[in-house]
Amino acid sequence: MWSWDAFFSFLTNPQLVQGAWTTIWLTTVSMALALPLAVLVALGRASRFRPVRLVTGFYVWLMRGTPLLVQLVIIYTGLPQLGLRLGVISAALTGLVLNEAAYLSEIVRAGVMSVPRGQSEAARALGMPPWKVFRVVVMPQALRVMVPPLGNSFNGLLKTTTLVSVISVEELLRRTQFAVQTNFRVLEGLTAAALYYLAMTSLWGLVQRWLEIRVGRGHESRPTSDRRMKSAVLELETR
C-alpha cells in the first residue's frame, strides 16, 4: 500500500537533497568542460588536415557508438590496469565529459555550417585572421541557433547522471537507493526522486528559455539561419 507519510519523508530527506545538489554540480561541471572540447572536436572535423579529421571522426564515432554505462565502467575499472587510477568523481566526470563532448561537437558543427560561407570569406578579405573570423563573425551567429539543442543536451545530462551511480557516485538516484533501504518503500522513494528531477529540469527549462530569448534578440526576422541549421543537422544525422 502507498504510504503518504513515507513519501513526504523522502521529499524532505537530507540524503535526497544532498544527492540533488551532487546531480546539479556534476551536470554543470561536465557541461562546462565538454563544451570547449566539443568546439575543438568540431573544428578538427572541419580541418583541412586529413589526420586531424580522422582522429576527431574516430573519437565521435567511438563515443557515440558505445553506451555511456560501458564507458564509465571501462574508465573506472579498466584504466587502473594500465596504471592510471582515477577516483570515483574523477572517473564520472571523465566519462560524462568525453561522452557529452562527442554529441555537442555535432551541434557545434551544425551551428557553424548554418552561417553563410560568404560572411567568413568577406571577413578574411578585410584582413581578419582565421581565429578572429571564427570568434567575431561565425560563432556569434552560430550560437543563436546552437542554444536550443545545447539547452536540451543539458536537460538530458541532468538525467543521464543517474548512470554514474554504477561506479558508486552518490548522486540523487544512489542517495535514494540508500534512503529506501531504511524502510523498503521503493515506490515512494523513487517517486520523490522523480519529483526532484522534474523540478530541476523545469527550472532549467526556464533558464533555457531566457537564454534563447536573450541570444536571439535582434534576429527575429532572420529565419534563414534556422532553416540552414535544420538542414545541417539533418545532413549530419544521415551520415
Foldseek 3Di string as FASTA:
>chain_A
DDDPVVLVCLLPPVLLVVQLVVLVVLLVVLLVLQQVLLQVLLVQCVDPDVVSVVVSVVLLCVLVVDDLLVQLCCQQPVVVVVVDHDDLSRSLSVSSSSNLSSVLNLLLNLLLQLADPVQLVVVVVVPDDPVCSCVPPRVLRSVLLSLVVSLVSSLVSSVVSVSSVVSPDSHNVNSLVVVCVVPVPNVSSVVSSVVSSVVVSVVSVVVSVVVNCVSCPPVVPPCSSVVSSVVSSVVVVVD
